Amino acid sequence: MKENTNSSSKKITRKKFFIYAGAAAAGVYSLTKLPFEIFKSKVENSQAKEVKFKENSLAVKRTINTKSNG
């Protein structure tokens, strides 16, 4: 009988293994860290604005009279 030299289970070379492992690590890092960093920077920029209040000069002033409680 002849041996089948072209089997479906081929070994991966050492160089290709490290290339695939590096690409997988970079992909996992980019999926877990980068989207959150992008959205975090947008949220911090929008919250940096200071809110200022001004009294309306045309408004009628309200006085509280504590002596006449009804």
PDB file of N, CA and C in Angstrom:
ATOM      1  N   MET A   1       0.820  -1.183   0.000  1.00  0.00           N
ATOM      2  CA  MET A   1       0.000   0.000   0.000  1.00  0.00           C
ATOM      3  C   MET A   1       0.869   1.253   0.000  1.00  0.00           C
ATOM      4  N   LYS A   2       0.365   2.256  -0.620  1.00  0.00           N
ATOM      5  CA  LYS A   2       1.082   3.516  -0.664  1.00  0.00           C
ATOM      6  C   LYS A   2       0.644   4.404   0.508  1.00  0.00           C
ATOM      7  N   GLU A   3       1.614   5.144   1.054  1.00  0.00           N
ATOM      8  CA  GLU A   3       1.271   6.091   2.113  1.00  0.00           C
ATOM      9  C   GLU A   3       0.807   7.392   1.475  1.00  0.00           C
ATOM     10  N   ASN A   4      -0.152   8.005   2.122  1.00  0.00           N
ATOM     11  CA  ASN A   4      -0.680   9.275   1.625  1.00  0.00           C
ATOM     12  C   ASN A   4       0.205  10.395   2.167  1.00  0.00           C
ATOM     13  N   THR A   5       1.027  10.990   1.314  1.00  0.00           N
ATOM     14  CA  THR A   5       1.948  12.044   1.748  1.00  0.00           C
ATOM     15  C   THR A   5       1.255  13.399   1.823  1.00  0.00           C
ATOM     16  N   ASN A   6       0.166  13.576   1.137  1.00  0.00           N
ATOM     17  CA  ASN A   6      -0.551  14.845   1.154  1.00  0.00           C
ATOM     18  C   ASN A   6      -1.732  14.746   2.116  1.00  0.00           C
ATOM     19  N   SER A   7      -1.452  14.615   3.375  1.00  0.00           N
ATOM     20  CA  SER A   7      -2.527  14.515   4.357  1.00  0.00           C
ATOM     21  C   SER A   7      -3.099  15.900   4.634  1.00  0.00           C
ATOM     22  N   SER A   8      -4.290  15.930   5.166  1.00  0.00           N
ATOM     23  CA  SER A   8      -4.963  17.208   5.399  1.00  0.00           C
ATOM     24  C   SER A   8      -4.426  17.921   6.640  1.00  0.00           C
ATOM     25  N   SER A   9      -3.696  17.240   7.500  1.00  0.00           N
ATOM     26  CA  SER A   9      -3.142  17.882   8.694  1.00  0.00           C
ATOM     27  C   SER A   9      -1.704  18.308   8.419  1.00  0.00           C
ATOM     28  N   LYS A  10      -1.546  19.547   7.957  1.00  0.00           N
ATOM     29  CA  LYS A  10      -0.225  20.090   7.675  1.00  0.00           C
ATOM     30  C   LYS A  10       0.257  20.879   8.881  1.00  0.00           C
ATOM     31  N   LYS A  11       1.537  20.808   9.135  1.00  0.00           N
ATOM     32  CA  LYS A  11       2.101  21.564  10.242  1.00  0.00           C
ATOM     33  C   LYS A  11       2.332  23.000   9.810  1.00  0.00           C
ATOM     34  N   ILE A  12       2.163  23.909  10.743  1.00  0.00           N
ATOM     35  CA  ILE A  12       2.414  25.316  10.479  1.00  0.00           C
ATOM     36  C   ILE A  12       3.869  25.603  10.865  1.00  0.00           C
ATOM     37  N   THR A  13       4.505  26.437  10.095  1.00  0.00           N
ATOM     38  CA  THR A  13       5.904  26.743  10.390  1.00  0.00           C
ATOM     39  C   THR A  13       5.988  27.681  11.589  1.00  0.00           C
ATOM     40  N   ARG A  14       7.151  27.733  12.186  1.00  0.00           N
ATOM     41  CA  ARG A  14       7.361  28.552  13.380  1.00  0.00           C
ATOM     42  C   ARG A  14       7.158  30.035  13.069  1.00  0.00           C
ATOM     43  N   LYS A  15       7.649  30.479  11.922  1.00  0.00           N
ATOM     44  CA  LYS A  15       7.530  31.881  11.536  1.00  0.00           C
ATOM     45  C   LYS A  15       6.063  32.274  11.359  1.00  0.00           C
ATOM     46  N   LYS A  16       5.291  31.444  10.670  1.00  0.00           N
ATOM     47  CA  LYS A  16       3.878  31.745  10.459  1.00  0.00           C
ATOM     48  C   LYS A  16       3.104  31.720  11.779  1.00  0.00           C
ATOM     49  N   PHE A  17       3.504  30.821  12.695  1.00  0.00           N
ATOM     50  CA  PHE A  17       2.840  30.761  13.988  1.00  0.00           C
ATOM     51  C   PHE A  17       2.978  32.084  14.733  1.00  0.00           C
ATOM     52  N   PHE A  18       4.189  32.644  14.774  1.00  0.00           N
ATOM     53  CA  PHE A  18       4.388  33.896  15.482  1.00  0.00           C
ATOM     54  C   PHE A  18       3.719  35.069  14.773  1.00  0.00           C
ATOM     55  N   ILE A  19       3.638  35.023  13.453  1.00  0.00           N
ATOM     56  CA  ILE A  19       2.924  36.075  12.723  1.00  0.00           C
ATOM     57  C   ILE A  19       1.437  36.018  13.054  1.00  0.00           C
ATOM     58  N   TYR A  20       0.855  34.829  13.045  1.00  0.00           N
ATOM     59  CA  TYR A  20      -0.567  34.676  13.371  1.00  0.00           C
ATOM     60  C   TYR A  20      -0.851  35.033  14.824  1.00  0.00           C
ATOM     61  N   ALA A  21       0.046  34.642  15.722  1.00  0.00           N
ATOM     62  CA  ALA A  21      -0.143  34.955  17.146  1.00  0.00           C
ATOM     63  C   ALA A  21      -0.057  36.466  17.376  1.00  0.00           C
ATOM     64  N   GLY A  22       0.862  37.134  16.716  1.00  0.00           N
ATOM     65  CA  GLY A  22       0.984  38.581  16.841  1.00  0.00           C
ATOM     66  C   GLY A  22      -0.213  39.307  16.270  1.00  0.00           C
ATOM     67  N   ALA A  23      -0.707  38.826  15.131  1.00  0.00           N
ATOM     68  CA  ALA A  23      -1.890  39.445  14.532  1.00  0.00           C
ATOM     69  C   ALA A  23      -3.117  39.236  15.412  1.00  0.00           C
ATOM     70  N   ALA A  24      -3.222  38.064  16.014  1.00  0.00           N
ATOM     71  CA  ALA A  24      -4.356  37.797  16.913  1.00  0.00           C
ATOM     72  C   ALA A  24      -4.279  38.669  18.157  1.00  0.00           C
ATOM     73  N   ALA A  25      -3.089  38.842  18.708  1.00  0.00           N
ATOM     74  CA  ALA A  25      -2.923  39.690  19.894  1.00  0.00           C
ATOM     75  C   ALA A  25      -3.241  41.149  19.566  1.00  0.00           C
ATOM     76  N   ALA A  26      -2.798  41.617  18.411  1.00  0.00           N
ATOM     77  CA  ALA A  26      -3.099  42.991  18.008  1.00  0.00           C
ATOM     78  C   ALA A  26      -4.595  43.181  17.767  1.00  0.00           C
ATOM     79  N   GLY A  27      -5.243  42.180  17.219  1.00  0.00           N
ATOM     80  CA  GLY A  27      -6.688  42.259  16.999  1.00  0.00           C
ATOM     81  C   GLY A  27      -7.469  42.287  18.292  1.00  0.00           C
ATOM     82  N   VAL A  28      -7.074  41.457  19.237  1.00  0.00           N
ATOM     83  CA  VAL A  28      -7.758  41.446  20.539  1.00  0.00           C
ATOM     84  C   VAL A  28      -7.547  42.767  21.259  1.00  0.00           C
ATOM     85  N   TYR A  29      -6.337  43.303  21.208  1.00  0.00           N
ATOM     86  CA  TYR A  29      -6.065  44.591  21.843  1.00  0.00           C
ATOM     87  C   TYR A  29      -6.897  45.708  21.214  1.00  0.00           C
ATOM     88  N   SER A  30      -6.968  45.730  19.892  1.00  0.00           N
ATOM     89  CA  SER A  30      -7.706  46.799  19.228  1.00  0.00           C
ATOM     90  C   SER A  30      -9.202  46.696  19.479  1.00  0.00           C
ATOM     91  N   LEU A  31      -9.713  45.494  19.625  1.00  0.00           N
ATOM     92  CA  LEU A  31     -11.146  45.339  19.892  1.00  0.00           C
ATOM     93  C   LEU A  31     -11.514  45.669  21.330  1.00  0.00           C
ATOM     94  N   THR A  32     -10.592  45.495  22.265  1.00  0.00           N
ATOM     95  CA  THR A  32     -10.924  45.735  23.663  1.00  0.00           C
ATOM     96  C   THR A  32     -10.568  47.131  24.148  1.00  0.00           C
ATOM     97  N   LYS A  33      -9.500  47.722  23.654  1.00  0.00           N
ATOM     98  CA  LYS A  33      -9.025  48.996  24.199  1.00  0.00           C
ATOM     99  C   LYS A  33      -9.375  50.205  23.339  1.00  0.00           C
ATOM    100  N   LEU A  34      -9.174  50.120  22.062  1.00  0.00           N
ATOM    101  CA  LEU A  34      -9.281  51.304  21.214  1.00  0.00           C
ATOM    102  C   LEU A  34     -10.682  51.901  21.126  1.00  0.00           C
ATOM    103  N   PRO A  35     -11.772  51.132  20.958  1.00  0.00           N
ATOM    104  CA  PRO A  35     -13.083  51.783  20.887  1.00  0.00           C
ATOM    105  C   PRO A  35     -13.436  52.545  22.153  1.00  0.00           C
ATOM    106  N   PHE A  36     -13.034  52.034  23.312  1.00  0.00           N
ATOM    107  CA  PHE A  36     -13.349  52.717  24.555  1.00  0.00           C
ATOM    108  C   PHE A  36     -12.535  53.985  24.712  1.00  0.00           C
ATOM    109  N   GLU A  37     -11.306  53.981  24.254  1.00  0.00           N
ATOM    110  CA  GLU A  37     -10.472  55.180  24.332  1.00  0.00           C
ATOM    111  C   GLU A  37     -11.015  56.284  23.415  1.00  0.00           C
ATOM    112  N   ILE A  38     -11.506  55.917  22.255  1.00  0.00           N
ATOM    113  CA  ILE A  38     -12.050  56.905  21.318  1.00  0.00           C
ATOM    114  C   ILE A  38     -13.291  57.551  21.897  1.00  0.00           C
ATOM    115  N   PHE A  39     -14.223  56.740  22.427  1.00  0.00           N
ATOM    116  CA  PHE A  39     -15.453  57.287  22.992  1.00  0.00           C
ATOM    117  C   PHE A  39     -15.193  58.039  24.287  1.00  0.00           C
ATOM    118  N   LYS A  40     -14.204  57.620  25.056  1.00  0.00           N
ATOM    119  CA  LYS A  40     -13.871  58.284  26.310  1.00  0.00           C
ATOM    120  C   LYS A  40     -13.382  59.701  26.042  1.00  0.00           C
ATOM    121  N   SER A  41     -12.579  59.892  25.030  1.00  0.00           N
ATOM    122  CA  SER A  41     -12.058  61.221  24.728  1.00  0.00           C
ATOM    123  C   SER A  41     -13.173  62.145  24.259  1.00  0.00           C
ATOM    124  N   LYS A  42     -14.158  61.632  23.536  1.00  0.00           N
ATOM    125  CA  LYS A  42     -15.280  62.466  23.099  1.00  0.00           C
ATOM    126  C   LYS A  42     -16.145  62.887  24.271  1.00  0.00           C
ATOM    127  N   VAL A  43     -16.357  62.010  25.231  1.00  0.00           N
ATOM    128  CA  VAL A  43     -17.188  62.330  26.393  1.00  0.00           C
ATOM    129  C   VAL A  43     -16.490  63.341  27.285  1.00  0.00           C
ATOM    130  N   GLU A  44     -15.190  63.207  27.486  1.00  0.00           N
ATOM    131  CA  GLU A  44     -14.458  64.145  28.327  1.00  0.00           C
ATOM    132  C   GLU A  44     -14.452  65.542  27.729  1.00  0.00           C
ATOM    133  N   ASN A  45     -14.375  65.664  26.420  1.00  0.00           N
ATOM    134  CA  ASN A  45     -14.373  66.979  25.786  1.00  0.00           C
ATOM    135  C   ASN A  45     -15.728  67.660  25.919  1.00  0.00           C
ATOM    136  N   SER A  46     -16.817  66.918  25.872  1.00  0.00           N
ATOM    137  CA  SER A  46     -18.132  67.530  25.965  1.00  0.00           C
ATOM    138  C   SER A  46     -18.469  67.925  27.399  1.00  0.00           C
ATOM    139  N   GLN A  47     -17.872  67.276  28.407  1.00  0.00           N
ATOM    140  CA  GLN A  47     -18.153  67.600  29.794  1.00  0.00           C
ATOM    141  C   GLN A  47     -17.240  68.704  30.325  1.00  0.00           C
ATOM    142  N   ALA A  48     -16.312  69.168  29.566  1.00  0.00           N
ATOM    143  CA  ALA A  48     -15.360  70.165  30.028  1.00  0.00           C
ATOM    144  C   ALA A  48     -15.951  71.570  30.055  1.00  0.00           C
ATOM    145  N   LYS A  49     -17.096  71.782  29.436  1.00  0.00           N
ATOM    146  CA  LYS A  49     -17.696  73.113  29.391  1.00  0.00           C
ATOM    147  C   LYS A  49     -18.261  73.467  30.763  1.00  0.00           C
ATOM    148  N   GLU A  50     -18.073  74.727  31.172  1.00  0.00           N
ATOM    149  CA  GLU A  50     -18.553  75.198  32.460  1.00  0.00           C
ATOM    150  C   GLU A  50     -19.921  75.857  32.273  1.00  0.00           C
ATOM    151  N   VAL A  51     -20.828  75.592  33.198  1.00  0.00           N
ATOM    152  CA  VAL A  51     -22.171  76.156  33.142  1.00  0.00           C
ATOM    153  C   VAL A  51     -22.191  77.426  33.976  1.00  0.00           C
ATOM    154  N   LYS A  52     -22.670  78.511  33.388  1.00  0.00           N
ATOM    155  CA  LYS A  52     -22.740  79.795  34.088  1.00  0.00           C
ATOM    156  C   LYS A  52     -24.190  80.246  34.161  1.00  0.00           C
ATOM    157  N   PHE A  53     -24.572  80.761  35.331  1.00  0.00           N
ATOM    158  CA  PHE A  53     -25.923  81.259  35.544  1.00  0.00           C
ATOM    159  C   PHE A  53     -25.866  82.770  35.711  1.00  0.00           C
ATOM    160  N   LYS A  54     -26.855  83.459  35.095  1.00  0.00           N
ATOM    161  CA  LYS A  54     -26.959  84.905  35.236  1.00  0.00           C
ATOM    162  C   LYS A  54     -28.360  85.244  35.703  1.00  0.00           C
ATOM    163  N   GLU A  55     -28.462  86.261  36.537  1.00  0.00           N
ATOM    164  CA  GLU A  55     -29.764  86.721  36.996  1.00  0.00           C
ATOM    165  C   GLU A  55     -30.403  87.568  35.907  1.00  0.00           C
ATOM    166  N   ASN A  56     -31.692  87.320  35.668  1.00  0.00           N
ATOM    167  CA  ASN A  56     -32.411  88.084  34.665  1.00  0.00           C
ATOM    168  C   ASN A  56     -32.744  89.445  35.251  1.00  0.00           C
ATOM    169  N   SER A  57     -32.268  90.511  34.631  1.00  0.00           N
ATOM    170  CA  SER A  57     -32.483  91.861  35.162  1.00  0.00           C
ATOM    171  C   SER A  57     -33.921  92.338  34.950  1.00  0.00           C
ATOM    172  N   LEU A  58     -34.656  91.739  34.037  1.00  0.00           N
ATOM    173  CA  LEU A  58     -36.039  92.142  33.766  1.00  0.00           C
ATOM    174  C   LEU A  58     -37.058  91.341  34.587  1.00  0.00           C
ATOM    175  N   ALA A  59     -36.628  90.398  35.368  1.00  0.00           N
ATOM    176  CA  ALA A  59     -37.542  89.553  36.127  1.00  0.00           C
ATOM    177  C   ALA A  59     -38.062  90.298  37.354  1.00  0.00           C
ATOM    178  N   VAL A  60     -39.297  89.964  37.773  1.00  0.00           N
ATOM    179  CA  VAL A  60     -39.889  90.542  38.973  1.00  0.00           C
ATOM    180  C   VAL A  60     -39.307  89.820  40.176  1.00  0.00           C
ATOM    181  N   LYS A  61     -38.821  90.592  41.135  1.00  0.00           N
ATOM    182  CA  LYS A  61     -38.186  90.007  42.310  1.00  0.00           C
ATOM    183  C   LYS A  61     -39.258  89.484  43.255  1.00  0.00           C
ATOM    184  N   ARG A  62     -38.990  88.361  43.850  1.00  0.00           N
ATOM    185  CA  ARG A  62     -39.924  87.738  44.767  1.00  0.00           C
ATOM    186  C   ARG A  62     -39.447  88.001  46.205  1.00  0.00           C
ATOM    187  N   THR A  63     -40.312  88.590  47.009  1.00  0.00           N
ATOM    188  CA  THR A  63     -39.954  88.851  48.407  1.00  0.00           C
ATOM    189  C   THR A  63     -40.773  87.912  49.268  1.00  0.00           C
ATOM    190  N   ILE A  64     -40.129  87.323  50.256  1.00  0.00           N
ATOM    191  CA  ILE A  64     -40.797  86.403  51.166  1.00  0.00           C
ATOM    192  C   ILE A  64     -41.089  87.159  52.461  1.00  0.00           C
ATOM    193  N   ASN A  65     -42.367  87.227  52.815  1.00  0.00           N
ATOM    194  CA  ASN A  65     -42.784  87.919  54.015  1.00  0.00           C
ATOM    195  C   ASN A  65     -43.063  86.884  55.087  1.00  0.00           C
ATOM    196  N   THR A  66     -42.193  86.771  56.078  1.00  0.00           N
ATOM    197  CA  THR A  66     -42.345  85.724  57.096  1.00  0.00           C
ATOM    198  C   THR A  66     -43.370  86.088  58.159  1.00  0.00           C
ATOM    199  N   LYS A  67     -43.750  87.345  58.300  1.00  0.00           N
ATOM    200  CA  LYS A  67     -44.698  87.744  59.333  1.00  0.00           C
ATOM    201  C   LYS A  67     -46.126  87.372  58.983  1.00  0.00           C
ATOM    202  N   SER A  68     -46.472  87.303  57.709  1.00  0.00           N
ATOM    203  CA  SER A  68     -47.863  86.991  57.333  1.00  0.00           C
ATOM    204  C   SER A  68     -47.929  85.574  56.799  1.00  0.00           C
ATOM    205  N   ASN A  69     -48.102  84.624  57.721  1.00  0.00           N
ATOM    206  CA  ASN A  69     -48.202  83.234  57.328  1.00  0.00           C
ATOM    207  C   ASN A  69     -49.640  82.807  57.125  1.00  0.00           C
ATOM    208  N   GLY A  70     -50.552  83.711  57.062  1.00  0.00           N
ATOM    209  CA  GLY A  70     -51.932  83.377  56.731  1.00  0.00           C
ATOM    210  C   GLY A  70     -52.747  83.238  57.904  1.00  0.00           C
TER     211      GLY A  70
END
